[in-house]
């Protein structure tokens, strides 16, 4: 079984793939150039990562519980056959800009 968790932000894109219990981490810079790819199962393997990449790896592990899959509100969905069909219905009123108030004029001592 293969699972993967990915995240992207202004620093790049990051993917943690788990295949048969073995983890591979891939990091790409904002331009899409690969800055790291390799196994991250042992502390020795993780030692080759800089501090920022370790933070991203830990973020991805937290998203997937470190075992692949995703977690949603306490549910751990670990690959396999499941169906998640949910419509998010947000009733958000459109933003209405308030008119600017003119600054109060102070009385001057005459």
Protein backbone atom coordinates (compact mmCIF):
# COMPACT_ATOMS: atom_id res chain seq x y z
CA UNK A 1 0.00 0.00 0.00
CA UNK A 2 1.22 3.50 -0.85
CA UNK A 3 0.03 6.66 0.88
CA UNK A 4 1.24 10.21 0.57
CA UNK A 5 0.66 13.52 2.31
CA UNK A 6 1.63 16.83 0.72
CA UNK A 7 1.74 20.46 1.73
CA UNK A 8 2.73 23.59 -0.19
CA UNK A 9 3.46 27.11 0.95
CA UNK A 10 5.57 30.09 -0.11
CA UNK A 11 8.77 28.16 0.73
CA UNK A 12 8.03 25.22 -1.58
CA UNK A 13 6.17 21.91 -1.73
CA UNK A 14 6.74 18.91 0.48
CA UNK A 15 5.56 15.30 0.19
CA UNK A 16 5.86 12.36 2.56
CA UNK A 17 5.22 9.03 0.85
CA UNK A 18 4.87 5.77 2.77
CA UNK A 19 5.21 2.50 0.88
CA UNK A 20 5.24 -0.83 2.73
CA UNK A 21 6.10 1.00 5.96
CA UNK A 22 9.09 2.86 4.46
CA UNK A 23 8.97 6.67 4.36
CA UNK A 24 10.36 8.88 1.59
CA UNK A 25 10.38 12.66 1.94
CA UNK A 26 10.57 15.00 -1.07
CA UNK A 27 11.12 18.76 -0.89
CA UNK A 28 10.93 21.20 -3.80
CA UNK A 29 11.72 24.89 -3.80
CA UNK A 30 9.09 27.44 -4.96
CA UNK A 31 10.33 27.06 -8.55
CA UNK A 32 9.75 23.29 -8.45
CA UNK A 33 13.42 22.29 -8.31
CA UNK A 34 13.95 19.28 -6.06
CA UNK A 35 16.06 20.19 -3.03
CA UNK A 36 15.80 16.84 -1.24
CA UNK A 37 14.44 13.37 -1.79
CA UNK A 38 15.27 10.33 0.23
CA UNK A 39 14.33 7.92 3.00
CA UNK A 40 13.54 9.34 6.45
CA UNK A 41 12.96 6.24 8.56
CA UNK A 42 15.98 6.51 10.86
CA UNK A 43 17.57 9.31 12.84
CA UNK A 44 20.71 8.97 10.72
CA UNK A 45 18.69 9.55 7.55
CA UNK A 46 16.95 12.58 9.11
CA UNK A 47 20.29 14.08 10.15
CA UNK A 48 20.92 15.02 6.50
CA UNK A 49 17.93 17.42 6.60
CA UNK A 50 18.27 21.03 7.64
CA UNK A 51 16.10 22.37 10.46
CA UNK A 52 13.41 23.85 8.17
CA UNK A 53 12.99 20.58 6.28
CA UNK A 54 12.72 18.65 9.54
CA UNK A 55 9.88 20.99 10.59
CA UNK A 56 8.06 20.32 7.30
CA UNK A 57 8.61 16.58 7.66
CA UNK A 58 7.22 16.63 11.20
CA UNK A 59 4.23 18.65 9.98
CA UNK A 60 3.51 16.01 7.34
CA UNK A 61 3.94 13.19 9.84
CA UNK A 62 1.44 14.90 12.12
CA UNK A 63 -1.04 15.17 9.28
CA UNK A 64 -0.77 11.48 8.50
CA UNK A 65 -0.24 10.22 12.02
CA UNK A 66 3.24 9.17 10.89
CA UNK A 67 1.77 5.98 9.45
CA UNK A 68 0.30 7.18 6.19
CA UNK A 69 -3.29 8.18 5.63
CA UNK A 70 -4.96 11.30 6.95
CA UNK A 71 -6.59 12.25 10.21
CA UNK A 72 -9.84 14.18 10.41
CA UNK A 73 -11.23 15.03 13.84
CA UNK A 74 -9.92 11.87 15.46
CA UNK A 75 -10.58 9.60 12.48
CA UNK A 76 -7.56 7.85 11.07
CA UNK A 77 -8.15 6.85 7.47
CA UNK A 78 -5.34 4.51 6.50
CA UNK A 79 -5.67 3.91 2.78
CA UNK A 80 -7.97 1.13 1.68
CA UNK A 81 -11.48 1.49 0.37
CA UNK A 82 -13.45 4.26 1.99
CA UNK A 83 -15.70 6.97 0.72
CA UNK A 84 -15.64 10.46 2.10
CA UNK A 85 -18.44 12.51 0.65
CA UNK A 86 -19.11 15.75 2.45
CA UNK A 87 -20.24 19.09 1.21
CA UNK A 88 -18.95 22.04 3.18
CA UNK A 89 -21.72 24.61 3.27
CA UNK A 90 -20.56 28.01 4.45
CA UNK A 91 -23.21 30.68 4.68
CA UNK A 92 -20.94 33.69 4.60
CA UNK A 93 -22.37 37.11 3.99
CA UNK A 94 -20.51 39.18 1.41
CA UNK A 95 -18.21 41.77 2.93
CA UNK A 96 -19.78 45.22 2.98
CA UNK A 97 -17.32 48.07 3.20
CA UNK A 98 -18.32 50.68 5.76
CA UNK A 99 -18.04 54.32 4.72
CA UNK A 100 -15.14 56.16 6.27
CA UNK A 101 -16.06 58.65 8.93
CA UNK A 102 -14.61 62.13 8.68
CA UNK A 103 -12.24 62.90 11.56
CA UNK A 104 -13.74 65.07 14.26
CA UNK A 105 -12.62 68.66 14.17
CA UNK A 106 -11.32 69.96 17.45
CA UNK A 107 -12.31 73.38 18.68
CA UNK A 108 -9.52 75.80 18.83
CA UNK A 109 -9.18 78.27 21.65
CA UNK A 110 -9.82 81.71 20.20
